[in-house]
Amino acid sequence: MKRLPELGTDAIVRISRQGGFAAVTALSRPREIDFAQCNPDQRDQVCSVLQTCLPVTTEGNAGAADRRFYRIELQFGQQNTQRDLVLQVPEEGAPDDLVQLWKEGT
């Protein structure tokens, strides 16, 4: 089973909805969550949501041009060891908690 990397207070999570026939930037409504601004419970909640997404993630192209997906960008690690990870979750397979996180944040 896939596991989420350890995310500390230096992590930043960006979630956006992309794809579809008419890709309209305003509809992507990107959400950014800076773990430095979150309390431990909020960080745990976000990590839990991201962990539930791992079984349905795709890499690279999320599918056909008419398919919508959620793009999750993780930026984590110290300055000299900073890492990036991109997950794509097809809209039809997205857990409700991910949709709620995208809409409302922490």
PDB file of N, CA and C in Angstrom:
ATOM      1  N   MET A   1       0.834  -1.183   0.000  1.00  0.00           N
ATOM      2  CA  MET A   1       0.000   0.000   0.000  1.00  0.00           C
ATOM      3  C   MET A   1       0.881   1.250   0.000  1.00  0.00           C
ATOM      4  N   LYS A   2       0.500   2.218  -0.784  1.00  0.00           N
ATOM      5  CA  LYS A   2       1.241   3.478  -0.849  1.00  0.00           C
ATOM      6  C   LYS A   2       1.098   4.220   0.474  1.00  0.00           C
ATOM      7  N   ARG A   3       2.155   4.908   0.847  1.00  0.00           N
ATOM      8  CA  ARG A   3       2.140   5.716   2.056  1.00  0.00           C
ATOM      9  C   ARG A   3       2.536   7.148   1.708  1.00  0.00           C
ATOM     10  N   LEU A   4       1.922   8.061   2.371  1.00  0.00           N
ATOM     11  CA  LEU A   4       2.234   9.480   2.231  1.00  0.00           C
ATOM     12  C   LEU A   4       3.566   9.753   2.920  1.00  0.00           C
ATOM     13  N   PRO A   5       4.435  10.565   2.324  1.00  0.00           N
ATOM     14  CA  PRO A   5       5.678  10.907   3.021  1.00  0.00           C
ATOM     15  C   PRO A   5       5.375  11.689   4.296  1.00  0.00           C
ATOM     16  N   GLU A   6       6.313  11.694   5.209  1.00  0.00           N
ATOM     17  CA  GLU A   6       6.162  12.456   6.453  1.00  0.00           C
ATOM     18  C   GLU A   6       6.095  13.947   6.118  1.00  0.00           C
ATOM     19  N   LEU A   7       5.030  14.596   6.554  1.00  0.00           N
ATOM     20  CA  LEU A   7       4.855  16.023   6.286  1.00  0.00           C
ATOM     21  C   LEU A   7       4.941  16.790   7.594  1.00  0.00           C
ATOM     22  N   GLY A   8       5.910  17.686   7.683  1.00  0.00           N
ATOM     23  CA  GLY A   8       6.079  18.498   8.882  1.00  0.00           C
ATOM     24  C   GLY A   8       5.496  19.887   8.702  1.00  0.00           C
ATOM     25  N   THR A   9       5.852  20.769   9.597  1.00  0.00           N
ATOM     26  CA  THR A   9       5.319  22.130   9.559  1.00  0.00           C
ATOM     27  C   THR A   9       5.825  22.926   8.367  1.00  0.00           C
ATOM     28  N   ASP A  10       6.813  22.394   7.650  1.00  0.00           N
ATOM     29  CA  ASP A  10       7.340  23.081   6.473  1.00  0.00           C
ATOM     30  C   ASP A  10       6.561  22.742   5.203  1.00  0.00           C
ATOM     31  N   ALA A  11       5.578  21.864   5.298  1.00  0.00           N
ATOM     32  CA  ALA A  11       4.844  21.402   4.116  1.00  0.00           C
ATOM     33  C   ALA A  11       3.810  22.424   3.639  1.00  0.00           C
ATOM     34  N   ILE A  12       3.630  22.437   2.340  1.00  0.00           N
ATOM     35  CA  ILE A  12       2.586  23.238   1.705  1.00  0.00           C
ATOM     36  C   ILE A  12       1.820  22.298   0.778  1.00  0.00           C
ATOM     37  N   VAL A  13       0.503  22.339   0.873  1.00  0.00           N
ATOM     38  CA  VAL A  13      -0.364  21.504   0.045  1.00  0.00           C
ATOM     39  C   VAL A  13      -1.205  22.422  -0.828  1.00  0.00           C
ATOM     40  N   ARG A  14      -1.178  22.179  -2.140  1.00  0.00           N
ATOM     41  CA  ARG A  14      -2.017  22.940  -3.071  1.00  0.00           C
ATOM     42  C   ARG A  14      -2.980  21.969  -3.747  1.00  0.00           C
ATOM     43  N   ILE A  15      -4.257  22.315  -3.730  1.00  0.00           N
ATOM     44  CA  ILE A  15      -5.280  21.476  -4.349  1.00  0.00           C
ATOM     45  C   ILE A  15      -6.041  22.319  -5.353  1.00  0.00           C
ATOM     46  N   SER A  16      -6.195  21.799  -6.564  1.00  0.00           N
ATOM     47  CA  SER A  16      -6.995  22.486  -7.579  1.00  0.00           C
ATOM     48  C   SER A  16      -7.770  21.450  -8.363  1.00  0.00           C
ATOM     49  N   ARG A  17      -8.839  21.887  -8.986  1.00  0.00           N
ATOM     50  CA  ARG A  17      -9.622  21.005  -9.857  1.00  0.00           C
ATOM     51  C   ARG A  17      -9.314  21.409 -11.287  1.00  0.00           C
ATOM     52  N   GLN A  18      -8.977  20.429 -12.118  1.00  0.00           N
ATOM     53  CA  GLN A  18      -8.550  20.726 -13.478  1.00  0.00           C
ATOM     54  C   GLN A  18      -9.240  19.802 -14.466  1.00  0.00           C
ATOM     55  N   GLY A  19      -9.051  20.121 -15.735  1.00  0.00           N
ATOM     56  CA  GLY A  19      -9.554  19.273 -16.806  1.00  0.00           C
ATOM     57  C   GLY A  19     -10.957  19.652 -17.246  1.00  0.00           C
ATOM     58  N   GLY A  20     -11.552  18.782 -18.046  1.00  0.00           N
ATOM     59  CA  GLY A  20     -12.876  19.030 -18.595  1.00  0.00           C
ATOM     60  C   GLY A  20     -12.776  19.647 -19.981  1.00  0.00           C
ATOM     61  N   PHE A  21     -13.912  19.698 -20.668  1.00  0.00           N
ATOM     62  CA  PHE A  21     -13.928  20.260 -22.020  1.00  0.00           C
ATOM     63  C   PHE A  21     -13.530  21.727 -22.035  1.00  0.00           C
ATOM     64  N   ALA A  22     -14.116  22.494 -21.130  1.00  0.00           N
ATOM     65  CA  ALA A  22     -13.833  23.931 -21.081  1.00  0.00           C
ATOM     66  C   ALA A  22     -13.070  24.219 -19.798  1.00  0.00           C
ATOM     67  N   ALA A  23     -11.765  24.162 -19.890  1.00  0.00           N
ATOM     68  CA  ALA A  23     -10.944  24.419 -18.712  1.00  0.00           C
ATOM     69  C   ALA A  23     -10.970  25.913 -18.408  1.00  0.00           C
ATOM     70  N   VAL A  24     -11.709  26.284 -17.363  1.00  0.00           N
ATOM     71  CA  VAL A  24     -11.843  27.676 -16.969  1.00  0.00           C
ATOM     72  C   VAL A  24     -11.058  27.875 -15.681  1.00  0.00           C
ATOM     73  N   THR A  25     -10.083  28.760 -15.711  1.00  0.00           N
ATOM     74  CA  THR A  25      -9.203  28.967 -14.571  1.00  0.00           C
ATOM     75  C   THR A  25      -9.979  29.282 -13.305  1.00  0.00           C
ATOM     76  N   ALA A  26     -11.008  30.084 -13.393  1.00  0.00           N
ATOM     77  CA  ALA A  26     -11.775  30.457 -12.206  1.00  0.00           C
ATOM     78  C   ALA A  26     -12.436  29.254 -11.549  1.00  0.00           C
ATOM     79  N   LEU A  27     -12.746  28.214 -12.322  1.00  0.00           N
ATOM     80  CA  LEU A  27     -13.389  27.039 -11.761  1.00  0.00           C
ATOM     81  C   LEU A  27     -12.409  26.116 -11.044  1.00  0.00           C
ATOM     82  N   SER A  28     -11.114  26.303 -11.271  1.00  0.00           N
ATOM     83  CA  SER A  28     -10.128  25.432 -10.619  1.00  0.00           C
ATOM     84  C   SER A  28     -10.030  25.749  -9.127  1.00  0.00           C
ATOM     85  N   ARG A  29     -10.341  26.988  -8.775  1.00  0.00           N
ATOM     86  CA  ARG A  29     -10.320  27.458  -7.393  1.00  0.00           C
ATOM     87  C   ARG A  29      -9.199  26.834  -6.576  1.00  0.00           C
ATOM     88  N   PRO A  30      -7.966  27.143  -6.893  1.00  0.00           N
ATOM     89  CA  PRO A  30      -6.862  26.534  -6.146  1.00  0.00           C
ATOM     90  C   PRO A  30      -6.922  26.876  -4.659  1.00  0.00           C
ATOM     91  N   ARG A  31      -6.588  25.895  -3.863  1.00  0.00           N
ATOM     92  CA  ARG A  31      -6.573  26.054  -2.407  1.00  0.00           C
ATOM     93  C   ARG A  31      -5.162  25.742  -1.937  1.00  0.00           C
ATOM     94  N   GLU A  32      -4.593  26.598  -1.106  1.00  0.00           N
ATOM     95  CA  GLU A  32      -3.253  26.348  -0.569  1.00  0.00           C
ATOM     96  C   GLU A  32      -3.346  26.231   0.944  1.00  0.00           C
ATOM     97  N   ILE A  33      -2.730  25.178   1.465  1.00  0.00           N
ATOM     98  CA  ILE A  33      -2.713  24.942   2.901  1.00  0.00           C
ATOM     99  C   ILE A  33      -1.260  24.925   3.346  1.00  0.00           C
ATOM    100  N   ASP A  34      -0.897  25.884   4.157  1.00  0.00           N
ATOM    101  CA  ASP A  34       0.458  26.007   4.688  1.00  0.00           C
ATOM    102  C   ASP A  34       0.463  25.365   6.075  1.00  0.00           C
ATOM    103  N   PHE A  35       1.177  24.261   6.212  1.00  0.00           N
ATOM    104  CA  PHE A  35       1.177  23.529   7.475  1.00  0.00           C
ATOM    105  C   PHE A  35       1.718  24.369   8.631  1.00  0.00           C
ATOM    106  N   ALA A  36       2.532  25.375   8.340  1.00  0.00           N
ATOM    107  CA  ALA A  36       3.048  26.248   9.394  1.00  0.00           C
ATOM    108  C   ALA A  36       1.921  27.048  10.046  1.00  0.00           C
ATOM    109  N   GLN A  37       0.817  27.227   9.328  1.00  0.00           N
ATOM    110  CA  GLN A  37      -0.323  27.988   9.836  1.00  0.00           C
ATOM    111  C   GLN A  37      -1.399  27.084  10.456  1.00  0.00           C
ATOM    112  N   CYS A  38      -1.165  25.792  10.487  1.00  0.00           N
ATOM    113  CA  CYS A  38      -2.146  24.826  10.989  1.00  0.00           C
ATOM    114  C   CYS A  38      -1.719  24.277  12.344  1.00  0.00           C
ATOM    115  N   ASN A  39      -2.705  23.939  13.166  1.00  0.00           N
ATOM    116  CA  ASN A  39      -2.384  23.265  14.416  1.00  0.00           C
ATOM    117  C   ASN A  39      -2.201  21.766  14.133  1.00  0.00           C
ATOM    118  N   PRO A  40      -1.667  20.997  15.079  1.00  0.00           N
ATOM    119  CA  PRO A  40      -1.408  19.573  14.829  1.00  0.00           C
ATOM    120  C   PRO A  40      -2.649  18.782  14.396  1.00  0.00           C
ATOM    121  N   ASP A  41      -3.809  19.088  14.967  1.00  0.00           N
ATOM    122  CA  ASP A  41      -5.036  18.379  14.570  1.00  0.00           C
ATOM    123  C   ASP A  41      -5.395  18.657  13.115  1.00  0.00           C
ATOM    124  N   GLN A  42      -5.243  19.903  12.689  1.00  0.00           N
ATOM    125  CA  GLN A  42      -5.533  20.252  11.295  1.00  0.00           C
ATOM    126  C   GLN A  42      -4.562  19.550  10.350  1.00  0.00           C
ATOM    127  N   ARG A  43      -3.281  19.524  10.721  1.00  0.00           N
ATOM    128  CA  ARG A  43      -2.290  18.831   9.893  1.00  0.00           C
ATOM    129  C   ARG A  43      -2.619  17.344   9.791  1.00  0.00           C
ATOM    130  N   ASP A  44      -2.986  16.729  10.919  1.00  0.00           N
ATOM    131  CA  ASP A  44      -3.347  15.311  10.912  1.00  0.00           C
ATOM    132  C   ASP A  44      -4.562  15.054  10.028  1.00  0.00           C
ATOM    133  N   GLN A  45      -5.543  15.966  10.071  1.00  0.00           N
ATOM    134  CA  GLN A  45      -6.746  15.809   9.258  1.00  0.00           C
ATOM    135  C   GLN A  45      -6.389  15.871   7.766  1.00  0.00           C
ATOM    136  N   VAL A  46      -5.571  16.841   7.373  1.00  0.00           N
ATOM    137  CA  VAL A  46      -5.175  16.973   5.968  1.00  0.00           C
ATOM    138  C   VAL A  46      -4.404  15.727   5.529  1.00  0.00           C
ATOM    139  N   CYS A  47      -3.464  15.272   6.354  1.00  0.00           N
ATOM    140  CA  CYS A  47      -2.689  14.077   6.010  1.00  0.00           C
ATOM    141  C   CYS A  47      -3.594  12.854   5.876  1.00  0.00           C
ATOM    142  N   SER A  48      -4.583  12.749   6.729  1.00  0.00           N
ATOM    143  CA  SER A  48      -5.527  11.640   6.657  1.00  0.00           C
ATOM    144  C   SER A  48      -6.309  11.668   5.345  1.00  0.00           C
ATOM    145  N   VAL A  49      -6.754  12.839   4.947  1.00  0.00           N
ATOM    146  CA  VAL A  49      -7.476  12.982   3.673  1.00  0.00           C
ATOM    147  C   VAL A  49      -6.564  12.597   2.514  1.00  0.00           C
ATOM    148  N   LEU A  50      -5.341  13.085   2.529  1.00  0.00           N
ATOM    149  CA  LEU A  50      -4.407  12.774   1.447  1.00  0.00           C
ATOM    150  C   LEU A  50      -4.099  11.283   1.390  1.00  0.00           C
ATOM    151  N   GLN A  51      -3.984  10.653   2.553  1.00  0.00           N
ATOM    152  CA  GLN A  51      -3.713   9.216   2.588  1.00  0.00           C
ATOM    153  C   GLN A  51      -4.870   8.425   1.955  1.00  0.00           C
ATOM    154  N   THR A  52      -6.105   8.864   2.181  1.00  0.00           N
ATOM    155  CA  THR A  52      -7.250   8.157   1.585  1.00  0.00           C
ATOM    156  C   THR A  52      -7.294   8.330   0.071  1.00  0.00           C
ATOM    157  N   CYS A  53      -6.611   9.344  -0.439  1.00  0.00           N
ATOM    158  CA  CYS A  53      -6.578   9.584  -1.886  1.00  0.00           C
ATOM    159  C   CYS A  53      -5.572   8.683  -2.606  1.00  0.00           C
ATOM    160  N   LEU A  54      -4.560   8.224  -1.913  1.00  0.00           N
ATOM    161  CA  LEU A  54      -3.474   7.489  -2.566  1.00  0.00           C
ATOM    162  C   LEU A  54      -3.936   6.286  -3.397  1.00  0.00           C
ATOM    163  N   PRO A  55      -4.893   5.479  -2.942  1.00  0.00           N
ATOM    164  CA  PRO A  55      -5.295   4.326  -3.768  1.00  0.00           C
ATOM    165  C   PRO A  55      -5.923   4.698  -5.112  1.00  0.00           C
ATOM    166  N   VAL A  56      -6.431   5.913  -5.257  1.00  0.00           N
ATOM    167  CA  VAL A  56      -7.101   6.294  -6.506  1.00  0.00           C
ATOM    168  C   VAL A  56      -6.309   7.307  -7.322  1.00  0.00           C
ATOM    169  N   THR A  57      -5.076   7.595  -6.912  1.00  0.00           N
ATOM    170  CA  THR A  57      -4.273   8.578  -7.646  1.00  0.00           C
ATOM    171  C   THR A  57      -3.741   7.999  -8.946  1.00  0.00           C
ATOM    172  N   THR A  58      -3.494   8.919  -9.880  1.00  0.00           N
ATOM    173  CA  THR A  58      -2.848   8.561 -11.133  1.00  0.00           C
ATOM    174  C   THR A  58      -1.618   9.431 -11.277  1.00  0.00           C
ATOM    175  N   GLU A  59      -0.712   9.000 -12.102  1.00  0.00           N
ATOM    176  CA  GLU A  59       0.475   9.801 -12.369  1.00  0.00           C
ATOM    177  C   GLU A  59       0.431  10.262 -13.810  1.00  0.00           C
ATOM    178  N   GLY A  60       1.016  11.412 -14.062  1.00  0.00           N
ATOM    179  CA  GLY A  60       1.019  11.938 -15.426  1.00  0.00           C
ATOM    180  C   GLY A  60      -0.360  12.395 -15.830  1.00  0.00           C
ATOM    181  N   ASN A  61      -0.762  12.049 -17.043  1.00  0.00           N
ATOM    182  CA  ASN A  61      -2.045  12.461 -17.578  1.00  0.00           C
ATOM    183  C   ASN A  61      -3.168  11.755 -16.832  1.00  0.00           C
ATOM    184  N   ALA A  62      -4.106  12.505 -16.301  1.00  0.00           N
ATOM    185  CA  ALA A  62      -5.193  11.935 -15.505  1.00  0.00           C
ATOM    186  C   ALA A  62      -6.237  11.247 -16.363  1.00  0.00           C
ATOM    187  N   GLY A  63      -6.161  11.353 -17.653  1.00  0.00           N
ATOM    188  CA  GLY A  63      -7.128  10.678 -18.500  1.00  0.00           C
ATOM    189  C   GLY A  63      -7.472  11.495 -19.712  1.00  0.00           C
ATOM    190  N   ALA A  64      -8.640  11.234 -20.233  1.00  0.00           N
ATOM    191  CA  ALA A  64      -9.103  11.901 -21.442  1.00  0.00           C
ATOM    192  C   ALA A  64      -9.268  13.402 -21.205  1.00  0.00           C
ATOM    193  N   ALA A  65      -9.279  14.140 -22.274  1.00  0.00           N
ATOM    194  CA  ALA A  65      -9.352  15.604 -22.186  1.00  0.00           C
ATOM    195  C   ALA A  65     -10.646  16.088 -21.520  1.00  0.00           C
ATOM    196  N   ASP A  66     -11.703  15.296 -21.591  1.00  0.00           N
ATOM    197  CA  ASP A  66     -12.972  15.720 -21.008  1.00  0.00           C
ATOM    198  C   ASP A  66     -13.118  15.296 -19.546  1.00  0.00           C
ATOM    199  N   ARG A  67     -12.104  14.732 -18.984  1.00  0.00           N
ATOM    200  CA  ARG A  67     -12.166  14.213 -17.621  1.00  0.00           C
ATOM    201  C   ARG A  67     -11.604  15.232 -16.632  1.00  0.00           C
ATOM    202  N   ARG A  68     -12.346  15.479 -15.570  1.00  0.00           N
ATOM    203  CA  ARG A  68     -11.863  16.386 -14.532  1.00  0.00           C
ATOM    204  C   ARG A  68     -11.131  15.590 -13.467  1.00  0.00           C
ATOM    205  N   PHE A  69     -10.195  16.266 -12.829  1.00  0.00           N
ATOM    206  CA  PHE A  69      -9.437  15.633 -11.759  1.00  0.00           C
ATOM    207  C   PHE A  69      -8.975  16.688 -10.774  1.00  0.00           C
ATOM    208  N   TYR A  70      -8.641  16.226  -9.583  1.00  0.00           N
ATOM    209  CA  TYR A  70      -8.068  17.099  -8.566  1.00  0.00           C
ATOM    210  C   TYR A  70      -6.558  16.924  -8.608  1.00  0.00           C
ATOM    211  N   ARG A  71      -5.858  18.025  -8.678  1.00  0.00           N
ATOM    212  CA  ARG A  71      -4.385  18.008  -8.683  1.00  0.00           C
ATOM    213  C   ARG A  71      -3.938  18.430  -7.290  1.00  0.00           C
ATOM    214  N   ILE A  72      -3.161  17.566  -6.654  1.00  0.00           N
ATOM    215  CA  ILE A  72      -2.640  17.829  -5.320  1.00  0.00           C
ATOM    216  C   ILE A  72      -1.130  17.960  -5.440  1.00  0.00           C
ATOM    217  N   GLU A  73      -0.621  19.121  -5.092  1.00  0.00           N
ATOM    218  CA  GLU A  73       0.820  19.366  -5.128  1.00  0.00           C
ATOM    219  C   GLU A  73       1.325  19.473  -3.689  1.00  0.00           C
ATOM    220  N   LEU A  74       2.283  18.635  -3.360  1.00  0.00           N
ATOM    221  CA  LEU A  74       2.882  18.658  -2.028  1.00  0.00           C
ATOM    222  C   LEU A  74       4.307  19.187  -2.141  1.00  0.00           C
ATOM    223  N   GLN A  75       4.614  20.146  -1.321  1.00  0.00           N
ATOM    224  CA  GLN A  75       5.974  20.682  -1.244  1.00  0.00           C
ATOM    225  C   GLN A  75       6.399  20.514   0.213  1.00  0.00           C
ATOM    226  N   PHE A  76       7.483  19.785   0.431  1.00  0.00           N
ATOM    227  CA  PHE A  76       7.877  19.488   1.805  1.00  0.00           C
ATOM    228  C   PHE A  76       9.385  19.275   1.901  1.00  0.00           C
ATOM    229  N   GLY A  77       9.894  19.299   3.118  1.00  0.00           N
ATOM    230  CA  GLY A  77      11.320  19.117   3.363  1.00  0.00           C
ATOM    231  C   GLY A  77      11.999  20.437   3.661  1.00  0.00           C
ATOM    232  N   GLN A  78      13.192  20.326   4.197  1.00  0.00           N
ATOM    233  CA  GLN A  78      13.979  21.513   4.510  1.00  0.00           C
ATOM    234  C   GLN A  78      14.494  22.136   3.212  1.00  0.00           C
ATOM    235  N   GLN A  79      14.995  23.355   3.293  1.00  0.00           N
ATOM    236  CA  GLN A  79      15.427  24.087   2.102  1.00  0.00           C
ATOM    237  C   GLN A  79      16.394  23.292   1.236  1.00  0.00           C
ATOM    238  N   ASN A  80      17.369  22.655   1.823  1.00  0.00           N
ATOM    239  CA  ASN A  80      18.362  21.949   1.017  1.00  0.00           C
ATOM    240  C   ASN A  80      17.910  20.542   0.606  1.00  0.00           C
ATOM    241  N   THR A  81      16.816  20.063   1.165  1.00  0.00           N
ATOM    242  CA  THR A  81      16.295  18.743   0.793  1.00  0.00           C
ATOM    243  C   THR A  81      14.825  18.815   0.400  1.00  0.00           C
ATOM    244  N   GLN A  82      14.410  19.958  -0.085  1.00  0.00           N
ATOM    245  CA  GLN A  82      13.002  20.167  -0.424  1.00  0.00           C
ATOM    246  C   GLN A  82      12.573  19.219  -1.539  1.00  0.00           C
ATOM    247  N   ARG A  83      11.378  18.665  -1.383  1.00  0.00           N
ATOM    248  CA  ARG A  83      10.844  17.729  -2.368  1.00  0.00           C
ATOM    249  C   ARG A  83       9.464  18.180  -2.810  1.00  0.00           C
ATOM    250  N   ASP A  84       9.093  17.758  -3.996  1.00  0.00           N
ATOM    251  CA  ASP A  84       7.764  18.018  -4.541  1.00  0.00           C
ATOM    252  C   ASP A  84       7.156  16.693  -4.953  1.00  0.00           C
ATOM    253  N   LEU A  85       5.859  16.582  -4.749  1.00  0.00           N
ATOM    254  CA  LEU A  85       5.121  15.392  -5.150  1.00  0.00           C
ATOM    255  C   LEU A  85       3.793  15.864  -5.714  1.00  0.00           C
ATOM    256  N   VAL A  86       3.413  15.324  -6.870  1.00  0.00           N
ATOM    257  CA  VAL A  86       2.139  15.693  -7.493  1.00  0.00           C
ATOM    258  C   VAL A  86       1.271  14.443  -7.580  1.00  0.00           C
ATOM    259  N   LEU A  87       0.052  14.562  -7.078  1.00  0.00           N
ATOM    260  CA  LEU A  87      -0.939  13.490  -7.148  1.00  0.00           C
ATOM    261  C   LEU A  87      -2.123  13.985  -7.959  1.00  0.00           C
ATOM    262  N   GLN A  88      -2.691  13.125  -8.755  1.00  0.00           N
ATOM    263  CA  GLN A  88      -3.892  13.479  -9.512  1.00  0.00           C
ATOM    264  C   GLN A  88      -4.972  12.456  -9.173  1.00  0.00           C
ATOM    265  N   VAL A  89      -6.131  12.961  -8.775  1.00  0.00           N
ATOM    266  CA  VAL A  89      -7.242  12.114  -8.366  1.00  0.00           C
ATOM    267  C   VAL A  89      -8.401  12.374  -9.321  1.00  0.00           C
ATOM    268  N   PRO A  90      -8.836  11.359 -10.083  1.00  0.00           N
ATOM    269  CA  PRO A  90      -9.981  11.553 -10.976  1.00  0.00           C
ATOM    270  C   PRO A  90     -11.203  12.019 -10.172  1.00  0.00           C
ATOM    271  N   GLU A  91     -11.924  12.987 -10.705  1.00  0.00           N
ATOM    272  CA  GLU A  91     -13.049  13.564  -9.982  1.00  0.00           C
ATOM    273  C   GLU A  91     -14.052  12.508  -9.545  1.00  0.00           C
ATOM    274  N   GLU A  92     -14.321  11.529 -10.401  1.00  0.00           N
ATOM    275  CA  GLU A  92     -15.326  10.521 -10.058  1.00  0.00           C
ATOM    276  C   GLU A  92     -14.861   9.570  -8.960  1.00  0.00           C
ATOM    277  N   GLY A  93     -13.553   9.534  -8.690  1.00  0.00           N
ATOM    278  CA  GLY A  93     -13.036   8.669  -7.639  1.00  0.00           C
ATOM    279  C   GLY A  93     -12.567   9.428  -6.409  1.00  0.00           C
ATOM    280  N   ALA A  94     -12.785  10.730  -6.412  1.00  0.00           N
ATOM    281  CA  ALA A  94     -12.294  11.563  -5.310  1.00  0.00           C
ATOM    282  C   ALA A  94     -13.105  11.323  -4.038  1.00  0.00           C
ATOM    283  N   PRO A  95     -12.426  11.070  -2.924  1.00  0.00           N
ATOM    284  CA  PRO A  95     -13.140  10.948  -1.656  1.00  0.00           C
ATOM    285  C   PRO A  95     -13.850  12.262  -1.318  1.00  0.00           C
ATOM    286  N   ASP A  96     -14.998  12.156  -0.668  1.00  0.00           N
ATOM    287  CA  ASP A  96     -15.759  13.348  -0.287  1.00  0.00           C
ATOM    288  C   ASP A  96     -14.929  14.309   0.562  1.00  0.00           C
ATOM    289  N   ASP A  97     -14.073  13.748   1.408  1.00  0.00           N
ATOM    290  CA  ASP A  97     -13.242  14.602   2.261  1.00  0.00           C
ATOM    291  C   ASP A  97     -12.273  15.464   1.448  1.00  0.00           C
ATOM    292  N   LEU A  98     -11.793  14.938   0.316  1.00  0.00           N
ATOM    293  CA  LEU A  98     -10.911  15.733  -0.549  1.00  0.00           C
ATOM    294  C   LEU A  98     -11.690  16.885  -1.175  1.00  0.00           C
ATOM    295  N   VAL A  99     -12.878  16.599  -1.644  1.00  0.00           N
ATOM    296  CA  VAL A  99     -13.720  17.641  -2.245  1.00  0.00           C
ATOM    297  C   VAL A  99     -14.001  18.728  -1.207  1.00  0.00           C
ATOM    298  N   GLN A 100     -14.314  18.320   0.001  1.00  0.00           N
ATOM    299  CA  GLN A 100     -14.591  19.278   1.088  1.00  0.00           C
ATOM    300  C   GLN A 100     -13.346  20.095   1.417  1.00  0.00           C
ATOM    301  N   LEU A 101     -12.175  19.449   1.441  1.00  0.00           N
ATOM    302  CA  LEU A 101     -10.926  20.157   1.708  1.00  0.00           C
ATOM    303  C   LEU A 101     -10.645  21.178   0.621  1.00  0.00           C
ATOM    304  N   TRP A 102     -10.891  20.798  -0.641  1.00  0.00           N
ATOM    305  CA  TRP A 102     -10.690  21.720  -1.758  1.00  0.00           C
ATOM    306  C   TRP A 102     -11.637  22.912  -1.652  1.00  0.00           C
ATOM    307  N   LYS A 103     -12.864  22.657  -1.263  1.00  0.00           N
ATOM    308  CA  LYS A 103     -13.847  23.733  -1.199  1.00  0.00           C
ATOM    309  C   LYS A 103     -13.624  24.668  -0.016  1.00  0.00           C
ATOM    310  N   GLU A 104     -13.282  24.087   1.149  1.00  0.00           N
ATOM    311  CA  GLU A 104     -13.278  24.892   2.370  1.00  0.00           C
ATOM    312  C   GLU A 104     -11.939  25.031   3.056  1.00  0.00           C
ATOM    313  N   GLY A 105     -10.957  24.221   2.699  1.00  0.00           N
ATOM    314  CA  GLY A 105      -9.679  24.266   3.399  1.00  0.00           C
ATOM    315  C   GLY A 105      -9.774  23.550   4.728  1.00  0.00           C
ATOM    316  N   THR A 106      -8.850  23.856   5.623  1.00  0.00           N
ATOM    317  CA  THR A 106      -8.798  23.144   6.901  1.00  0.00           C
ATOM    318  C   THR A 106      -9.899  23.594   7.828  1.00  0.00           C
TER     319      THR A 106
END
